[in-house]
């Protein structure tokens, strides 16, 4: 879109940052995404960011979950 009133156009980057996982843990019996975030003192937002393809409704024992990254 080109502004017609003399204002400068601003653009948002369409490139998303890909999270880099630096530490993982295996899911244990009784774990949920919430319990993992509590155990490792993670916010749900950060947990979701570092585990972008994780389906919290379908966790299984032994599944590797990222608990730290950037």
PDB file of N, CA and C in Angstrom:
ATOM      1  N   UNK A   1       0.843  -1.165   0.000  1.00  0.00           N
ATOM      2  CA  UNK A   1       0.000   0.000   0.000  1.00  0.00           C
ATOM      3  C   UNK A   1       0.894   1.236   0.000  1.00  0.00           C
ATOM      4  N   UNK A   2       0.596   2.158  -0.860  1.00  0.00           N
ATOM      5  CA  UNK A   2       1.375   3.389  -0.968  1.00  0.00           C
ATOM      6  C   UNK A   2       0.541   4.533  -0.401  1.00  0.00           C
ATOM      7  N   UNK A   3       1.054   5.216   0.617  1.00  0.00           N
ATOM      8  CA  UNK A   3       0.303   6.333   1.187  1.00  0.00           C
ATOM      9  C   UNK A   3       0.217   7.484   0.192  1.00  0.00           C
ATOM     10  N   UNK A   4      -0.927   8.141   0.162  1.00  0.00           N
ATOM     11  CA  UNK A   4      -1.109   9.264  -0.762  1.00  0.00           C
ATOM     12  C   UNK A   4      -1.034  10.605  -0.056  1.00  0.00           C
ATOM     13  N   UNK A   5      -0.919  10.595   1.270  1.00  0.00           N
ATOM     14  CA  UNK A   5      -0.902  11.854   2.013  1.00  0.00           C
ATOM     15  C   UNK A   5       0.507  12.299   2.395  1.00  0.00           C
ATOM     16  N   UNK A   6       1.523  11.713   1.785  1.00  0.00           N
ATOM     17  CA  UNK A   6       2.895  12.091   2.079  1.00  0.00           C
ATOM     18  C   UNK A   6       3.524  11.310   3.221  1.00  0.00           C
ATOM     19  N   UNK A   7       2.747  10.485   3.896  1.00  0.00           N
ATOM     20  CA  UNK A   7       3.295   9.682   4.997  1.00  0.00           C
ATOM     21  C   UNK A   7       4.165   8.571   4.432  1.00  0.00           C
ATOM     22  N   UNK A   8       5.107   8.144   5.221  1.00  0.00           N
ATOM     23  CA  UNK A   8       5.967   7.043   4.791  1.00  0.00           C
ATOM     24  C   UNK A   8       5.261   5.713   5.043  1.00  0.00           C
ATOM     25  N   UNK A   9       5.443   4.804   4.135  1.00  0.00           N
ATOM     26  CA  UNK A   9       4.884   3.464   4.317  1.00  0.00           C
ATOM     27  C   UNK A   9       5.728   2.711   5.340  1.00  0.00           C
ATOM     28  N   UNK A  10       5.077   1.945   6.170  1.00  0.00           N
ATOM     29  CA  UNK A  10       5.797   1.089   7.113  1.00  0.00           C
ATOM     30  C   UNK A  10       5.468  -0.353   6.779  1.00  0.00           C
ATOM     31  N   UNK A  11       6.423  -1.204   6.972  1.00  0.00           N
ATOM     32  CA  UNK A  11       6.247  -2.607   6.636  1.00  0.00           C
ATOM     33  C   UNK A  11       6.597  -3.471   7.831  1.00  0.00           C
ATOM     34  N   UNK A  12       5.818  -4.487   8.028  1.00  0.00           N
ATOM     35  CA  UNK A  12       6.132  -5.483   9.045  1.00  0.00           C
ATOM     36  C   UNK A  12       6.882  -6.615   8.381  1.00  0.00           C
ATOM     37  N   UNK A  13       7.800  -7.147   9.093  1.00  0.00           N
ATOM     38  CA  UNK A  13       8.536  -8.290   8.567  1.00  0.00           C
ATOM     39  C   UNK A  13       7.620  -9.501   8.538  1.00  0.00           C
ATOM     40  N   UNK A  14       7.616 -10.212   7.439  1.00  0.00           N
ATOM     41  CA  UNK A  14       6.824 -11.429   7.319  1.00  0.00           C
ATOM     42  C   UNK A  14       7.622 -12.647   7.754  1.00  0.00           C
ATOM     43  N   UNK A  15       8.884 -12.432   8.071  1.00  0.00           N
ATOM     44  CA  UNK A  15       9.746 -13.529   8.492  1.00  0.00           C
ATOM     45  C   UNK A  15       9.551 -13.755   9.983  1.00  0.00           C
ATOM     46  N   UNK A  16       9.184 -14.970  10.342  1.00  0.00           N
ATOM     47  CA  UNK A  16       9.039 -15.309  11.750  1.00  0.00           C
ATOM     48  C   UNK A  16      10.330 -15.920  12.250  1.00  0.00           C
ATOM     49  N   UNK A  17      10.634 -15.635  13.496  1.00  0.00           N
ATOM     50  CA  UNK A  17      11.799 -16.264  14.116  1.00  0.00           C
ATOM     51  C   UNK A  17      11.491 -17.712  14.410  1.00  0.00           C
ATOM     52  N   UNK A  18      12.425 -18.566  14.110  1.00  0.00           N
ATOM     53  CA  UNK A  18      12.271 -19.982  14.413  1.00  0.00           C
ATOM     54  C   UNK A  18      12.920 -20.229  15.763  1.00  0.00           C
ATOM     55  N   UNK A  19      12.156 -20.786  16.720  1.00  0.00           N
ATOM     56  CA  UNK A  19      12.744 -21.026  18.037  1.00  0.00           C
ATOM     57  C   UNK A  19      13.845 -22.077  17.992  1.00  0.00           C
ATOM     58  N   UNK A  20      14.843 -21.884  18.819  1.00  0.00           N
ATOM     59  CA  UNK A  20      15.938 -22.841  18.952  1.00  0.00           C
ATOM     60  C   UNK A  20      15.835 -23.448  20.345  1.00  0.00           C
ATOM     61  N   UNK A  21      15.644 -24.753  20.412  1.00  0.00           N
ATOM     62  CA  UNK A  21      15.518 -25.445  21.685  1.00  0.00           C
ATOM     63  C   UNK A  21      16.907 -25.771  22.229  1.00  0.00           C
ATOM     64  N   UNK A  22      17.125 -25.469  23.508  1.00  0.00           N
ATOM     65  CA  UNK A  22      18.430 -25.728  24.113  1.00  0.00           C
ATOM     66  C   UNK A  22      18.377 -26.764  25.233  1.00  0.00           C
ATOM     67  N   UNK A  23      17.168 -27.175  25.639  1.00  0.00           N
ATOM     68  CA  UNK A  23      17.043 -28.177  26.698  1.00  0.00           C
ATOM     69  C   UNK A  23      15.701 -28.888  26.562  1.00  0.00           C
ATOM     70  N   UNK A  24      15.711 -30.207  26.682  1.00  0.00           N
ATOM     71  CA  UNK A  24      14.479 -30.989  26.548  1.00  0.00           C
ATOM     72  C   UNK A  24      14.273 -31.886  27.764  1.00  0.00           C
ATOM     73  N   UNK A  25      13.045 -32.345  27.908  1.00  0.00           N
ATOM     74  CA  UNK A  25      12.684 -33.295  28.954  1.00  0.00           C
ATOM     75  C   UNK A  25      11.657 -34.253  28.353  1.00  0.00           C
ATOM     76  N   UNK A  26      11.679 -35.498  28.811  1.00  0.00           N
ATOM     77  CA  UNK A  26      10.696 -36.473  28.347  1.00  0.00           C
ATOM     78  C   UNK A  26       9.428 -36.397  29.184  1.00  0.00           C
ATOM     79  N   UNK A  27       8.280 -36.479  28.513  1.00  0.00           N
ATOM     80  CA  UNK A  27       6.994 -36.470  29.212  1.00  0.00           C
ATOM     81  C   UNK A  27       6.893 -37.719  30.081  1.00  0.00           C
ATOM     82  N   UNK A  28       6.405 -37.527  31.309  1.00  0.00           N
ATOM     83  CA  UNK A  28       6.229 -38.630  32.250  1.00  0.00           C
ATOM     84  C   UNK A  28       4.741 -38.873  32.479  1.00  0.00           C
ATOM     85  N   UNK A  29       4.408 -40.030  33.013  1.00  0.00           N
ATOM     86  CA  UNK A  29       3.020 -40.355  33.326  1.00  0.00           C
ATOM     87  C   UNK A  29       2.414 -39.254  34.192  1.00  0.00           C
ATOM     88  N   UNK A  30       1.251 -38.774  33.804  1.00  0.00           N
ATOM     89  CA  UNK A  30       0.553 -37.732  34.562  1.00  0.00           C
ATOM     90  C   UNK A  30       0.906 -36.318  34.165  1.00  0.00           C
ATOM     91  N   UNK A  31       1.900 -36.145  33.295  1.00  0.00           N
ATOM     92  CA  UNK A  31       2.288 -34.802  32.865  1.00  0.00           C
ATOM     93  C   UNK A  31       1.232 -34.177  31.968  1.00  0.00           C
ATOM     94  N   UNK A  32       1.143 -32.880  32.048  1.00  0.00           N
ATOM     95  CA  UNK A  32       0.353 -32.067  31.126  1.00  0.00           C
ATOM     96  C   UNK A  32       1.221 -30.863  30.769  1.00  0.00           C
ATOM     97  N   UNK A  33       0.825 -30.133  29.762  1.00  0.00           N
ATOM     98  CA  UNK A  33       1.596 -28.928  29.423  1.00  0.00           C
ATOM     99  C   UNK A  33       1.637 -27.988  30.625  1.00  0.00           C
ATOM    100  N   UNK A  34       0.511 -27.861  31.314  1.00  0.00           N
ATOM    101  CA  UNK A  34       0.464 -26.969  32.468  1.00  0.00           C
ATOM    102  C   UNK A  34       1.410 -27.437  33.568  1.00  0.00           C
ATOM    103  N   UNK A  35       1.401 -28.738  33.878  1.00  0.00           N
ATOM    104  CA  UNK A  35       2.273 -29.228  34.959  1.00  0.00           C
ATOM    105  C   UNK A  35       3.752 -29.071  34.599  1.00  0.00           C
ATOM    106  N   UNK A  36       4.076 -29.224  33.320  1.00  0.00           N
ATOM    107  CA  UNK A  36       5.468 -29.042  32.887  1.00  0.00           C
ATOM    108  C   UNK A  36       5.880 -27.579  33.033  1.00  0.00           C
ATOM    109  N   UNK A  37       4.993 -26.660  32.643  1.00  0.00           N
ATOM    110  CA  UNK A  37       5.326 -25.234  32.794  1.00  0.00           C
ATOM    111  C   UNK A  37       5.498 -24.870  34.263  1.00  0.00           C
ATOM    112  N   UNK A  38       4.698 -25.467  35.134  1.00  0.00           N
ATOM    113  CA  UNK A  38       4.821 -25.194  36.566  1.00  0.00           C
ATOM    114  C   UNK A  38       6.124 -25.760  37.123  1.00  0.00           C
ATOM    115  N   UNK A  39       6.449 -26.993  36.741  1.00  0.00           N
ATOM    116  CA  UNK A  39       7.652 -27.650  37.254  1.00  0.00           C
ATOM    117  C   UNK A  39       8.921 -26.888  36.881  1.00  0.00           C
ATOM    118  N   UNK A  40       8.959 -26.355  35.650  1.00  0.00           N
ATOM    119  CA  UNK A  40      10.167 -25.681  35.170  1.00  0.00           C
ATOM    120  C   UNK A  40      10.046 -24.156  35.185  1.00  0.00           C
ATOM    121  N   UNK A  41       8.977 -23.662  35.823  1.00  0.00           N
ATOM    122  CA  UNK A  41       8.757 -22.219  35.990  1.00  0.00           C
ATOM    123  C   UNK A  41       8.779 -21.467  34.658  1.00  0.00           C
ATOM    124  N   UNK A  42       7.983 -21.973  33.709  1.00  0.00           N
ATOM    125  CA  UNK A  42       7.874 -21.366  32.384  1.00  0.00           C
ATOM    126  C   UNK A  42       6.508 -20.714  32.231  1.00  0.00           C
ATOM    127  N   UNK A  43       6.448 -19.620  31.509  1.00  0.00           N
ATOM    128  CA  UNK A  43       5.137 -19.060  31.175  1.00  0.00           C
ATOM    129  C   UNK A  43       4.540 -19.917  30.065  1.00  0.00           C
ATOM    130  N   UNK A  44       3.216 -19.959  30.004  1.00  0.00           N
ATOM    131  CA  UNK A  44       2.566 -20.736  28.944  1.00  0.00           C
ATOM    132  C   UNK A  44       2.916 -20.171  27.571  1.00  0.00           C
ATOM    133  N   UNK A  45       3.059 -18.841  27.479  1.00  0.00           N
ATOM    134  CA  UNK A  45       3.414 -18.219  26.206  1.00  0.00           C
ATOM    135  C   UNK A  45       4.783 -18.648  25.708  1.00  0.00           C
ATOM    136  N   UNK A  46       5.777 -18.632  26.597  1.00  0.00           N
ATOM    137  CA  UNK A  46       7.127 -19.046  26.217  1.00  0.00           C
ATOM    138  C   UNK A  46       7.152 -20.533  25.883  1.00  0.00           C
ATOM    139  N   UNK A  47       6.451 -21.339  26.687  1.00  0.00           N
ATOM    140  CA  UNK A  47       6.379 -22.779  26.440  1.00  0.00           C
ATOM    141  C   UNK A  47       5.804 -23.053  25.044  1.00  0.00           C
ATOM    142  N   UNK A  48       4.752 -22.341  24.687  1.00  0.00           N
ATOM    143  CA  UNK A  48       4.160 -22.498  23.357  1.00  0.00           C
ATOM    144  C   UNK A  48       5.096 -22.046  22.247  1.00  0.00           C
ATOM    145  N   UNK A  49       5.855 -20.985  22.507  1.00  0.00           N
ATOM    146  CA  UNK A  49       6.798 -20.470  21.516  1.00  0.00           C
ATOM    147  C   UNK A  49       7.905 -21.478  21.221  1.00  0.00           C
ATOM    148  N   UNK A  50       8.451 -22.113  22.270  1.00  0.00           N
ATOM    149  CA  UNK A  50       9.562 -23.044  22.054  1.00  0.00           C
ATOM    150  C   UNK A  50       9.092 -24.448  21.674  1.00  0.00           C
ATOM    151  N   UNK A  51       7.768 -24.679  21.709  1.00  0.00           N
ATOM    152  CA  UNK A  51       7.175 -25.957  21.290  1.00  0.00           C
ATOM    153  C   UNK A  51       6.046 -25.681  20.297  1.00  0.00           C
ATOM    154  N   UNK A  52       6.362 -25.077  19.148  1.00  0.00           N
ATOM    155  CA  UNK A  52       5.306 -24.590  18.252  1.00  0.00           C
ATOM    156  C   UNK A  52       4.410 -25.671  17.658  1.00  0.00           C
ATOM    157  N   UNK A  53       4.870 -26.890  17.557  1.00  0.00           N
ATOM    158  CA  UNK A  53       4.063 -27.951  16.945  1.00  0.00           C
ATOM    159  C   UNK A  53       3.498 -28.930  17.962  1.00  0.00           C
ATOM    160  N   UNK A  54       3.577 -28.588  19.227  1.00  0.00           N
ATOM    161  CA  UNK A  54       3.124 -29.476  20.290  1.00  0.00           C
ATOM    162  C   UNK A  54       1.609 -29.405  20.439  1.00  0.00           C
ATOM    163  N   UNK A  55       0.977 -30.572  20.514  1.00  0.00           N
ATOM    164  CA  UNK A  55      -0.456 -30.643  20.779  1.00  0.00           C
ATOM    165  C   UNK A  55      -0.623 -31.092  22.226  1.00  0.00           C
ATOM    166  N   UNK A  56      -0.965 -30.167  23.100  1.00  0.00           N
ATOM    167  CA  UNK A  56      -1.055 -30.471  24.534  1.00  0.00           C
ATOM    168  C   UNK A  56      -2.154 -31.479  24.859  1.00  0.00           C
ATOM    169  N   UNK A  57      -3.098 -31.666  23.963  1.00  0.00           N
ATOM    170  CA  UNK A  57      -4.168 -32.648  24.200  1.00  0.00           C
ATOM    171  C   UNK A  57      -3.732 -34.061  23.844  1.00  0.00           C
ATOM    172  N   UNK A  58      -2.570 -34.187  23.208  1.00  0.00           N
ATOM    173  CA  UNK A  58      -2.118 -35.509  22.766  1.00  0.00           C
ATOM    174  C   UNK A  58      -0.699 -35.821  23.230  1.00  0.00           C
ATOM    175  N   UNK A  59      -0.331 -35.370  24.432  1.00  0.00           N
ATOM    176  CA  UNK A  59       0.988 -35.705  24.976  1.00  0.00           C
ATOM    177  C   UNK A  59       1.076 -37.201  25.208  1.00  0.00           C
ATOM    178  N   UNK A  60       2.256 -37.758  25.035  1.00  0.00           N
ATOM    179  CA  UNK A  60       2.445 -39.175  25.345  1.00  0.00           C
ATOM    180  C   UNK A  60       3.747 -39.364  26.113  1.00  0.00           C
ATOM    181  N   UNK A  61       3.762 -40.378  26.955  1.00  0.00           N
ATOM    182  CA  UNK A  61       4.924 -40.674  27.789  1.00  0.00           C
ATOM    183  C   UNK A  61       6.135 -40.906  26.893  1.00  0.00           C
ATOM    184  N   UNK A  62       7.230 -40.229  27.213  1.00  0.00           N
ATOM    185  CA  UNK A  62       8.460 -40.350  26.437  1.00  0.00           C
ATOM    186  C   UNK A  62       8.618 -39.292  25.365  1.00  0.00           C
ATOM    187  N   UNK A  63       7.564 -38.542  25.075  1.00  0.00           N
ATOM    188  CA  UNK A  63       7.652 -37.470  24.074  1.00  0.00           C
ATOM    189  C   UNK A  63       8.626 -36.408  24.585  1.00  0.00           C
ATOM    190  N   UNK A  64       9.495 -35.922  23.699  1.00  0.00           N
ATOM    191  CA  UNK A  64      10.462 -34.895  24.070  1.00  0.00           C
ATOM    192  C   UNK A  64       9.811 -33.529  23.973  1.00  0.00           C
ATOM    193  N   UNK A  65       9.926 -32.765  25.051  1.00  0.00           N
ATOM    194  CA  UNK A  65       9.348 -31.431  25.145  1.00  0.00           C
ATOM    195  C   UNK A  65      10.482 -30.448  25.411  1.00  0.00           C
ATOM    196  N   UNK A  66      10.477 -29.348  24.680  1.00  0.00           N
ATOM    197  CA  UNK A  66      11.486 -28.316  24.897  1.00  0.00           C
ATOM    198  C   UNK A  66      11.130 -27.523  26.159  1.00  0.00           C
ATOM    199  N   UNK A  67      12.122 -27.318  27.027  1.00  0.00           N
ATOM    200  CA  UNK A  67      11.884 -26.540  28.246  1.00  0.00           C
ATOM    201  C   UNK A  67      12.758 -25.292  28.335  1.00  0.00           C
ATOM    202  N   UNK A  68      13.625 -25.087  27.341  1.00  0.00           N
ATOM    203  CA  UNK A  68      14.417 -23.860  27.304  1.00  0.00           C
ATOM    204  C   UNK A  68      14.859 -23.610  25.873  1.00  0.00           C
ATOM    205  N   UNK A  69      15.026 -22.362  25.543  1.00  0.00           N
ATOM    206  CA  UNK A  69      15.449 -22.012  24.192  1.00  0.00           C
ATOM    207  C   UNK A  69      15.366 -20.521  23.977  1.00  0.00           C
ATOM    208  N   UNK A  70      15.499 -20.143  22.718  1.00  0.00           N
ATOM    209  CA  UNK A  70      15.401 -18.730  22.368  1.00  0.00           C
ATOM    210  C   UNK A  70      14.812 -18.583  20.994  1.00  0.00           C
TER     211      UNK A  70
END
